[in-house]
Amino acid sequence: MFAAVEHELHEARRKPLTKFFSKRSISNIQPIIQDKVERVILRMKEAKEAGKSVSITALAAAFTADTISHYAYGVSIGCLDDDSGRNILSEATQSVLAMGHWLKFIPIRFSNAKKMPPSLVAHIAPQAATVLRTHRTISDLALGVLNSAEPKAPHENMFAALANPELPPEQRTLGRLEDEGFVVLAAGTETTAYSLSVTMCYLLDNPAIFDSLLAEIKTVMPNPTECPPLSVLESLPLLVRTEHLLQSTVMRLANDR
């Protein structure tokens, strides 16, 4: 979708996924999100009991990776369950960003690079091998969607929609599902993880705001094990202002530009 240059092609590729980003669709997956949140809390409790520190950035990335993979494919890639703390999506995204400067001067067709074994590439460019391994994992997920004995309905997850038989054959090839998968999963992981980690940093650095926000949330969530609907949380003024402040801070530009 992001690689499409022509407007008509971009619109045709975007259309099957548009409904998955609506407010109603996001509200419908609140149980999935809540399940991942509870896993995050469990990992933090385990770290506290073991007397270990925990990286908020890594934990946020694991949370977003598991959430977007579950939403996209119907299965989680299990970053929150990995005791090693590895996150293939985050590692691959950082590798792509790190190689971006070099690729301007040494352009390499990724379609050719995908044919090389990651173990061989690892000796030459470890970062590129990380991207290839992640792409292979996404390819396996895409094959699972295409070869499923009981295919999901197009409205059930993103890649069931991309593999919808009603779409033109050239729009639902394995190669396209792989490429779309990498972009959707990587973008859904890094952007949201960054927002969560920055928000937590600001809140911990400002105890007064943290205490006020916690008190506000307790008014609609007296029992910490019972989360209210998203519509209720969106009615909390301080919580909403915190979100808007983060968005305006991230998008801030220099005054002379």
C-alpha atoms as a PDB file:
ATOM      1  CA  MET A   1       0.000   0.000   0.000  1.00  0.00           C
ATOM      2  CA  PHE A   2       2.717   2.500   0.981  1.00  0.00           C
ATOM      3  CA  ALA A   3       4.799   1.630  -2.070  1.00  0.00           C
ATOM      4  CA  ALA A   4       1.968   2.390  -4.496  1.00  0.00           C
ATOM      5  CA  VAL A   5       2.732   5.507  -6.549  1.00  0.00           C
ATOM      6  CA  GLU A   6      -0.440   5.816  -8.610  1.00  0.00           C
ATOM      7  CA  HIS A   7      -3.445   7.197  -6.732  1.00  0.00           C
ATOM      8  CA  GLU A   8      -5.847   4.565  -8.106  1.00  0.00           C
ATOM      9  CA  LEU A   9      -3.567   1.692  -7.044  1.00  0.00           C
ATOM     10  CA  HIS A  10      -3.041   3.147  -3.582  1.00  0.00           C
ATOM     11  CA  GLU A  11      -6.788   3.616  -3.127  1.00  0.00           C
ATOM     12  CA  ALA A  12      -7.513   0.044  -4.266  1.00  0.00           C
ATOM     13  CA  ARG A  13      -4.969  -1.363  -1.796  1.00  0.00           C
ATOM     14  CA  ARG A  14      -6.052   0.848   1.083  1.00  0.00           C
ATOM     15  CA  LYS A  15      -9.786   0.233   0.752  1.00  0.00           C
ATOM     16  CA  PRO A  16      -9.871  -3.325   2.258  1.00  0.00           C
ATOM     17  CA  LEU A  17      -8.041  -2.086   5.386  1.00  0.00           C
ATOM     18  CA  THR A  18      -9.803   1.234   5.975  1.00  0.00           C
ATOM     19  CA  LYS A  19     -12.527  -0.181   8.221  1.00  0.00           C
ATOM     20  CA  PHE A  20      -9.972  -1.762  10.557  1.00  0.00           C
ATOM     21  CA  PHE A  21      -8.816   1.680  11.708  1.00  0.00           C
ATOM     22  CA  SER A  22     -12.245   3.090  12.480  1.00  0.00           C
ATOM     23  CA  LYS A  23     -13.129   4.038  16.053  1.00  0.00           C
ATOM     24  CA  ARG A  24     -15.741   1.290  16.216  1.00  0.00           C
ATOM     25  CA  SER A  25     -13.242  -1.363  15.116  1.00  0.00           C
ATOM     26  CA  ILE A  26     -10.722  -0.262  17.726  1.00  0.00           C
ATOM     27  CA  SER A  27     -13.421  -0.326  20.415  1.00  0.00           C
ATOM     28  CA  ASN A  28     -14.305  -3.882  19.389  1.00  0.00           C
ATOM     29  CA  ILE A  29     -10.786  -5.157  20.087  1.00  0.00           C
ATOM     30  CA  GLN A  30     -10.661  -3.785  23.633  1.00  0.00           C
ATOM     31  CA  PRO A  31     -10.635  -7.368  25.053  1.00  0.00           C
ATOM     32  CA  ILE A  32      -7.513  -8.120  22.976  1.00  0.00           C
ATOM     33  CA  ILE A  33      -5.822  -4.936  24.158  1.00  0.00           C
ATOM     34  CA  GLN A  34      -6.813  -5.620  27.761  1.00  0.00           C
ATOM     35  CA  ASP A  35      -5.344  -9.115  27.582  1.00  0.00           C
ATOM     36  CA  LYS A  36      -1.994  -7.691  26.425  1.00  0.00           C
ATOM     37  CA  VAL A  37      -2.112  -5.007  29.151  1.00  0.00           C
ATOM     38  CA  GLU A  38      -2.552  -7.703  31.792  1.00  0.00           C
ATOM     39  CA  ARG A  39       0.490  -9.515  30.403  1.00  0.00           C
ATOM     40  CA  VAL A  40       2.495  -6.282  30.653  1.00  0.00           C
ATOM     41  CA  ILE A  41       1.445  -5.894  34.294  1.00  0.00           C
ATOM     42  CA  LEU A  42       2.456  -9.503  34.964  1.00  0.00           C
ATOM     43  CA  ARG A  43       5.930  -8.926  33.481  1.00  0.00           C
ATOM     44  CA  MET A  44       6.384  -5.836  35.643  1.00  0.00           C
ATOM     45  CA  LYS A  45       5.294  -7.740  38.769  1.00  0.00           C
ATOM     46  CA  GLU A  46       7.754 -10.523  37.947  1.00  0.00           C
ATOM     47  CA  ALA A  47      10.568  -7.993  37.543  1.00  0.00           C
ATOM     48  CA  LYS A  48       9.696  -6.368  40.871  1.00  0.00           C
ATOM     49  CA  GLU A  49       9.652  -9.702  42.708  1.00  0.00           C
ATOM     50  CA  ALA A  50      13.009 -10.616  41.174  1.00  0.00           C
ATOM     51  CA  GLY A  51      14.486  -7.237  42.061  1.00  0.00           C
ATOM     52  CA  LYS A  52      15.238  -6.455  38.429  1.00  0.00           C
ATOM     53  CA  SER A  53      14.743  -3.310  36.387  1.00  0.00           C
ATOM     54  CA  VAL A  54      12.557  -3.346  33.304  1.00  0.00           C
ATOM     55  CA  SER A  55      12.889  -1.306  30.125  1.00  0.00           C
ATOM     56  CA  ILE A  56       9.652   0.602  29.544  1.00  0.00           C
ATOM     57  CA  THR A  57      10.597   1.093  25.888  1.00  0.00           C
ATOM     58  CA  ALA A  58      11.126  -2.647  25.322  1.00  0.00           C
ATOM     59  CA  LEU A  59       7.996  -3.558  27.266  1.00  0.00           C
ATOM     60  CA  ALA A  60       5.887  -1.050  25.312  1.00  0.00           C
ATOM     61  CA  ALA A  61       7.253  -2.410  22.028  1.00  0.00           C
ATOM     62  CA  ALA A  62       6.437  -5.979  23.092  1.00  0.00           C
ATOM     63  CA  PHE A  63       2.905  -4.901  24.014  1.00  0.00           C
ATOM     64  CA  THR A  64       2.288  -3.130  20.694  1.00  0.00           C
ATOM     65  CA  ALA A  65       3.887  -5.934  18.639  1.00  0.00           C
ATOM     66  CA  ASP A  66       1.673  -8.588  20.243  1.00  0.00           C
ATOM     67  CA  THR A  67      -1.413  -6.408  19.890  1.00  0.00           C
ATOM     68  CA  ILE A  68      -0.978  -5.458  16.225  1.00  0.00           C
ATOM     69  CA  SER A  69       0.024  -9.004  15.204  1.00  0.00           C
ATOM     70  CA  HIS A  70      -3.078 -10.402  16.939  1.00  0.00           C
ATOM     71  CA  TYR A  71      -5.246  -7.773  15.254  1.00  0.00           C
ATOM     72  CA  ALA A  72      -3.639  -8.281  11.845  1.00  0.00           C
ATOM     73  CA  TYR A  73      -3.357 -12.087  11.720  1.00  0.00           C
ATOM     74  CA  GLY A  74      -5.522 -13.348  14.548  1.00  0.00           C
ATOM     75  CA  VAL A  75      -2.441 -14.725  16.352  1.00  0.00           C
ATOM     76  CA  SER A  76       0.117 -12.991  18.545  1.00  0.00           C
ATOM     77  CA  ILE A  77       3.852 -13.276  17.854  1.00  0.00           C
ATOM     78  CA  GLY A  78       4.403 -13.705  21.609  1.00  0.00           C
ATOM     79  CA  CYS A  79       6.924 -10.987  22.468  1.00  0.00           C
ATOM     80  CA  LEU A  80       5.429 -10.581  25.948  1.00  0.00           C
ATOM     81  CA  ASP A  81       5.900 -14.306  26.571  1.00  0.00           C
ATOM     82  CA  ASP A  82       9.561 -14.308  25.500  1.00  0.00           C
ATOM     83  CA  ASP A  83      11.767 -14.344  28.611  1.00  0.00           C
ATOM     84  CA  SER A  84      14.755 -13.192  26.543  1.00  0.00           C
ATOM     85  CA  GLY A  85      13.000  -9.905  25.802  1.00  0.00           C
ATOM     86  CA  ARG A  86      13.548 -10.223  22.055  1.00  0.00           C
ATOM     87  CA  ASN A  87      11.195  -8.385  19.728  1.00  0.00           C
ATOM     88  CA  ILE A  88      11.746  -9.256  16.078  1.00  0.00           C
ATOM     89  CA  LEU A  89       9.520  -6.446  14.813  1.00  0.00           C
ATOM     90  CA  SER A  90      11.280  -3.751  16.817  1.00  0.00           C
ATOM     91  CA  GLU A  91      14.711  -5.129  15.913  1.00  0.00           C
ATOM     92  CA  ALA A  92      13.835  -5.276  12.213  1.00  0.00           C
ATOM     93  CA  THR A  93      12.441  -1.742  12.180  1.00  0.00           C
ATOM     94  CA  GLN A  94      15.534  -0.353  13.875  1.00  0.00           C
ATOM     95  CA  SER A  95      17.711  -2.265  11.404  1.00  0.00           C
ATOM     96  CA  VAL A  96      15.871  -0.773   8.423  1.00  0.00           C
ATOM     97  CA  LEU A  97      16.298   2.725   9.856  1.00  0.00           C
ATOM     98  CA  ALA A  98      19.982   2.105  10.532  1.00  0.00           C
ATOM     99  CA  MET A  99      20.568   0.929   6.951  1.00  0.00           C
ATOM    100  CA  GLY A 100      18.515   3.690   5.347  1.00  0.00           C
ATOM    101  CA  HIS A 101      21.457   6.075   4.931  1.00  0.00           C
ATOM    102  CA  TRP A 102      23.661   3.441   3.291  1.00  0.00           C
ATOM    103  CA  LEU A 103      20.932   2.280   0.950  1.00  0.00           C
ATOM    104  CA  LYS A 104      20.803   5.755  -0.572  1.00  0.00           C
ATOM    105  CA  PHE A 105      24.304   5.193  -1.899  1.00  0.00           C
ATOM    106  CA  ILE A 106      24.213   1.413  -2.378  1.00  0.00           C
ATOM    107  CA  PRO A 107      20.682   0.646  -3.626  1.00  0.00           C
ATOM    108  CA  ILE A 108      19.753  -3.034  -3.241  1.00  0.00           C
ATOM    109  CA  ARG A 109      16.547  -4.594  -4.489  1.00  0.00           C
ATOM    110  CA  PHE A 110      14.905  -6.229  -1.502  1.00  0.00           C
ATOM    111  CA  SER A 111      13.242  -8.786  -3.782  1.00  0.00           C
ATOM    112  CA  ASN A 112      16.744 -10.094  -4.606  1.00  0.00           C
ATOM    113  CA  ALA A 113      17.977  -9.886  -1.024  1.00  0.00           C
ATOM    114  CA  LYS A 114      15.046 -12.027   0.180  1.00  0.00           C
ATOM    115  CA  LYS A 115      16.433 -14.973  -1.798  1.00  0.00           C
ATOM    116  CA  MET A 116      19.609 -15.081   0.301  1.00  0.00           C
ATOM    117  CA  PRO A 117      19.799 -17.231   3.459  1.00  0.00           C
ATOM    118  CA  PRO A 118      19.729 -15.039   6.604  1.00  0.00           C
ATOM    119  CA  SER A 119      22.573 -17.101   8.079  1.00  0.00           C
ATOM    120  CA  LEU A 120      24.815 -16.059   5.169  1.00  0.00           C
ATOM    121  CA  VAL A 121      23.717 -12.425   5.270  1.00  0.00           C
ATOM    122  CA  ALA A 122      24.420 -12.336   9.028  1.00  0.00           C
ATOM    123  CA  HIS A 123      28.172 -12.647   8.308  1.00  0.00           C
ATOM    124  CA  ILE A 124      28.056  -9.666   5.953  1.00  0.00           C
ATOM    125  CA  ALA A 125      25.390  -7.382   7.425  1.00  0.00           C
ATOM    126  CA  PRO A 126      23.816  -8.525  10.733  1.00  0.00           C
ATOM    127  CA  GLN A 127      21.179  -5.794  10.573  1.00  0.00           C
ATOM    128  CA  ALA A 128      20.040  -6.925   7.128  1.00  0.00           C
ATOM    129  CA  ALA A 129      19.814 -10.514   8.396  1.00  0.00           C
ATOM    130  CA  THR A 130      17.444  -9.350  11.143  1.00  0.00           C
ATOM    131  CA  VAL A 131      15.155  -7.840   8.509  1.00  0.00           C
ATOM    132  CA  LEU A 132      15.235 -11.033   6.425  1.00  0.00           C
ATOM    133  CA  ARG A 133      14.435 -13.263   9.419  1.00  0.00           C
ATOM    134  CA  THR A 134      11.510 -11.051  10.333  1.00  0.00           C
ATOM    135  CA  HIS A 135      10.279 -11.124   6.747  1.00  0.00           C
ATOM    136  CA  ARG A 136      10.414 -14.949   6.813  1.00  0.00           C
ATOM    137  CA  THR A 137       8.324 -14.964  10.007  1.00  0.00           C
ATOM    138  CA  ILE A 138       5.755 -12.674   8.394  1.00  0.00           C
ATOM    139  CA  SER A 139       5.777 -14.896   5.295  1.00  0.00           C
ATOM    140  CA  ASP A 140       4.862 -17.889   7.471  1.00  0.00           C
ATOM    141  CA  LEU A 141       1.980 -15.914   8.975  1.00  0.00           C
ATOM    142  CA  ALA A 142       0.806 -14.893   5.499  1.00  0.00           C
ATOM    143  CA  LEU A 143       0.954 -18.509   4.295  1.00  0.00           C
ATOM    144  CA  GLY A 144      -1.136 -19.504   7.291  1.00  0.00           C
ATOM    145  CA  VAL A 145      -3.808 -17.045   6.154  1.00  0.00           C
ATOM    146  CA  LEU A 146      -3.700 -18.214   2.523  1.00  0.00           C
ATOM    147  CA  ASN A 147      -3.645 -21.957   3.284  1.00  0.00           C
ATOM    148  CA  SER A 148      -6.033 -22.033   6.220  1.00  0.00           C
ATOM    149  CA  ALA A 149      -8.448 -24.972   6.121  1.00  0.00           C
ATOM    150  CA  GLU A 150     -11.090 -22.686   7.631  1.00  0.00           C
ATOM    151  CA  PRO A 151     -10.442 -19.229   6.128  1.00  0.00           C
ATOM    152  CA  LYS A 152     -11.431 -16.259   8.234  1.00  0.00           C
ATOM    153  CA  ALA A 153     -14.108 -13.907   6.950  1.00  0.00           C
ATOM    154  CA  PRO A 154     -12.646 -10.674   5.467  1.00  0.00           C
ATOM    155  CA  HIS A 155     -13.973  -8.644   8.397  1.00  0.00           C
ATOM    156  CA  GLU A 156     -12.233 -10.788  11.067  1.00  0.00           C
ATOM    157  CA  ASN A 157      -8.639  -9.606  10.616  1.00  0.00           C
ATOM    158  CA  MET A 158      -6.590  -7.462   8.262  1.00  0.00           C
ATOM    159  CA  PHE A 159      -4.918 -10.188   6.300  1.00  0.00           C
ATOM    160  CA  ALA A 160      -8.066 -12.171   5.802  1.00  0.00           C
ATOM    161  CA  ALA A 161      -9.341  -8.976   4.165  1.00  0.00           C
ATOM    162  CA  LEU A 162      -6.204  -8.725   1.990  1.00  0.00           C
ATOM    163  CA  ALA A 163      -6.623 -12.382   0.943  1.00  0.00           C
ATOM    164  CA  ASN A 164     -10.307 -11.934   0.128  1.00  0.00           C
ATOM    165  CA  PRO A 165     -11.046 -13.956  -3.063  1.00  0.00           C
ATOM    166  CA  GLU A 166     -13.142 -11.058  -4.314  1.00  0.00           C
ATOM    167  CA  LEU A 167      -9.981  -8.974  -4.772  1.00  0.00           C
ATOM    168  CA  PRO A 168      -8.008  -9.180  -8.052  1.00  0.00           C
ATOM    169  CA  PRO A 169      -5.433 -12.036  -7.995  1.00  0.00           C
ATOM    170  CA  GLU A 170      -2.502  -9.634  -8.349  1.00  0.00           C
ATOM    171  CA  GLN A 171      -3.595  -7.871  -5.131  1.00  0.00           C
ATOM    172  CA  ARG A 172      -3.525 -11.007  -2.957  1.00  0.00           C
ATOM    173  CA  THR A 173      -0.249 -12.695  -3.818  1.00  0.00           C
ATOM    174  CA  LEU A 174       2.080 -14.043  -1.144  1.00  0.00           C
ATOM    175  CA  GLY A 175       4.666 -11.375  -1.970  1.00  0.00           C
ATOM    176  CA  ARG A 176       2.188  -8.572  -1.438  1.00  0.00           C
ATOM    177  CA  LEU A 177       0.931 -10.061   1.847  1.00  0.00           C
ATOM    178  CA  GLU A 178       4.538 -10.282   3.027  1.00  0.00           C
ATOM    179  CA  ASP A 179       5.289  -6.658   2.155  1.00  0.00           C
ATOM    180  CA  GLU A 180       2.033  -5.321   3.589  1.00  0.00           C
ATOM    181  CA  GLY A 181       2.577  -7.413   6.702  1.00  0.00           C
ATOM    182  CA  PHE A 182       6.020  -5.986   7.355  1.00  0.00           C
ATOM    183  CA  VAL A 183       4.823  -2.396   6.949  1.00  0.00           C
ATOM    184  CA  VAL A 184       1.651  -2.777   9.026  1.00  0.00           C
ATOM    185  CA  LEU A 185       3.313  -4.710  11.853  1.00  0.00           C
ATOM    186  CA  ALA A 186       6.432  -2.531  12.005  1.00  0.00           C
ATOM    187  CA  ALA A 187       4.485   0.730  11.866  1.00  0.00           C
ATOM    188  CA  GLY A 188       1.934  -0.482  14.398  1.00  0.00           C
ATOM    189  CA  THR A 189       4.712  -1.503  16.767  1.00  0.00           C
ATOM    190  CA  GLU A 190       7.169   1.396  16.756  1.00  0.00           C
ATOM    191  CA  THR A 191       4.844   4.404  16.591  1.00  0.00           C
ATOM    192  CA  THR A 192       2.567   3.319  19.427  1.00  0.00           C
ATOM    193  CA  ALA A 193       5.434   1.986  21.534  1.00  0.00           C
ATOM    194  CA  TYR A 194       7.196   5.342  21.287  1.00  0.00           C
ATOM    195  CA  SER A 195       4.054   7.192  22.358  1.00  0.00           C
ATOM    196  CA  LEU A 196       3.529   4.883  25.344  1.00  0.00           C
ATOM    197  CA  SER A 197       7.124   5.054  26.555  1.00  0.00           C
ATOM    198  CA  VAL A 198       7.297   8.859  26.227  1.00  0.00           C
ATOM    199  CA  THR A 199       3.976   9.235  28.045  1.00  0.00           C
ATOM    200  CA  MET A 200       5.172   7.025  30.903  1.00  0.00           C
ATOM    201  CA  CYS A 201       8.434   8.964  31.111  1.00  0.00           C
ATOM    202  CA  TYR A 202       6.639  12.290  31.438  1.00  0.00           C
ATOM    203  CA  LEU A 203       4.203  10.934  34.027  1.00  0.00           C
ATOM    204  CA  LEU A 204       6.954   9.431  36.181  1.00  0.00           C
ATOM    205  CA  ASP A 205       8.911  12.671  35.922  1.00  0.00           C
ATOM    206  CA  ASN A 206       5.861  14.652  37.119  1.00  0.00           C
ATOM    207  CA  PRO A 207       4.465  12.910  40.237  1.00  0.00           C
ATOM    208  CA  ALA A 208       1.753  15.521  40.792  1.00  0.00           C
ATOM    209  CA  ILE A 209       0.276  14.898  37.324  1.00  0.00           C
ATOM    210  CA  PHE A 210       0.665  11.152  37.782  1.00  0.00           C
ATOM    211  CA  ASP A 211      -1.240  11.243  41.110  1.00  0.00           C
ATOM    212  CA  SER A 212      -4.018  13.413  39.622  1.00  0.00           C
ATOM    213  CA  LEU A 213      -4.389  11.114  36.624  1.00  0.00           C
ATOM    214  CA  LEU A 214      -4.469   8.022  38.846  1.00  0.00           C
ATOM    215  CA  ALA A 215      -7.140   9.587  41.067  1.00  0.00           C
ATOM    216  CA  GLU A 216      -9.233  10.441  38.001  1.00  0.00           C
ATOM    217  CA  ILE A 217      -9.004   6.906  36.618  1.00  0.00           C
ATOM    218  CA  LYS A 218     -10.018   5.453  40.000  1.00  0.00           C
ATOM    219  CA  THR A 219     -13.332   7.314  39.773  1.00  0.00           C
ATOM    220  CA  VAL A 220     -14.404   5.044  36.903  1.00  0.00           C
ATOM    221  CA  MET A 221     -12.203   2.072  37.770  1.00  0.00           C
ATOM    222  CA  PRO A 222     -12.355   1.438  41.541  1.00  0.00           C
ATOM    223  CA  ASN A 223     -11.468  -2.223  40.964  1.00  0.00           C
ATOM    224  CA  PRO A 224      -8.101  -2.472  39.142  1.00  0.00           C
ATOM    225  CA  THR A 225      -9.081  -5.832  37.644  1.00  0.00           C
ATOM    226  CA  GLU A 226     -12.183  -4.500  35.910  1.00  0.00           C
ATOM    227  CA  CYS A 227     -11.482  -2.082  33.068  1.00  0.00           C
ATOM    228  CA  PRO A 228     -14.376   0.176  31.953  1.00  0.00           C
ATOM    229  CA  PRO A 229     -15.311   0.527  28.264  1.00  0.00           C
ATOM    230  CA  LEU A 230     -13.190   2.751  26.057  1.00  0.00           C
ATOM    231  CA  SER A 231     -16.031   5.261  25.771  1.00  0.00           C
ATOM    232  CA  VAL A 232     -15.922   5.793  29.543  1.00  0.00           C
ATOM    233  CA  LEU A 233     -12.152   6.317  29.585  1.00  0.00           C
ATOM    234  CA  GLU A 234     -12.485   8.852  26.775  1.00  0.00           C
ATOM    235  CA  SER A 235     -14.761  10.935  29.003  1.00  0.00           C
ATOM    236  CA  LEU A 236     -11.967  11.585  31.509  1.00  0.00           C
ATOM    237  CA  PRO A 237     -10.688  15.130  30.839  1.00  0.00           C
ATOM    238  CA  LEU A 238      -7.174  14.810  32.268  1.00  0.00           C
ATOM    239  CA  LEU A 239      -6.566  11.496  30.516  1.00  0.00           C
ATOM    240  CA  VAL A 240      -7.695  12.985  27.193  1.00  0.00           C
ATOM    241  CA  ARG A 241      -5.557  16.119  27.700  1.00  0.00           C
ATOM    242  CA  THR A 242      -2.520  13.953  28.457  1.00  0.00           C
ATOM    243  CA  GLU A 243      -3.001  12.154  25.147  1.00  0.00           C
ATOM    244  CA  HIS A 244      -3.443  15.394  23.209  1.00  0.00           C
ATOM    245  CA  LEU A 245      -0.394  16.951  24.864  1.00  0.00           C
ATOM    246  CA  LEU A 246       1.734  14.021  23.771  1.00  0.00           C
ATOM    247  CA  GLN A 247       0.512  14.273  20.179  1.00  0.00           C
ATOM    248  CA  SER A 248       1.195  18.023  20.004  1.00  0.00           C
ATOM    249  CA  THR A 249       4.662  17.538  21.522  1.00  0.00           C
ATOM    250  CA  VAL A 250       5.642  14.832  19.044  1.00  0.00           C
ATOM    251  CA  MET A 251       4.493  16.942  16.076  1.00  0.00           C
ATOM    252  CA  ARG A 252       6.150  20.195  17.254  1.00  0.00           C
ATOM    253  CA  LEU A 253       8.382  21.894  14.672  1.00  0.00           C
ATOM    254  CA  ALA A 254      11.078  24.537  14.996  1.00  0.00           C
ATOM    255  CA  ASN A 255       9.731  28.101  14.987  1.00  0.00           C
ATOM    256  CA  ASP A 256      11.811  29.101  11.974  1.00  0.00           C
ATOM    257  CA  ARG A 257      10.531  26.264   9.753  1.00  0.00           C
END
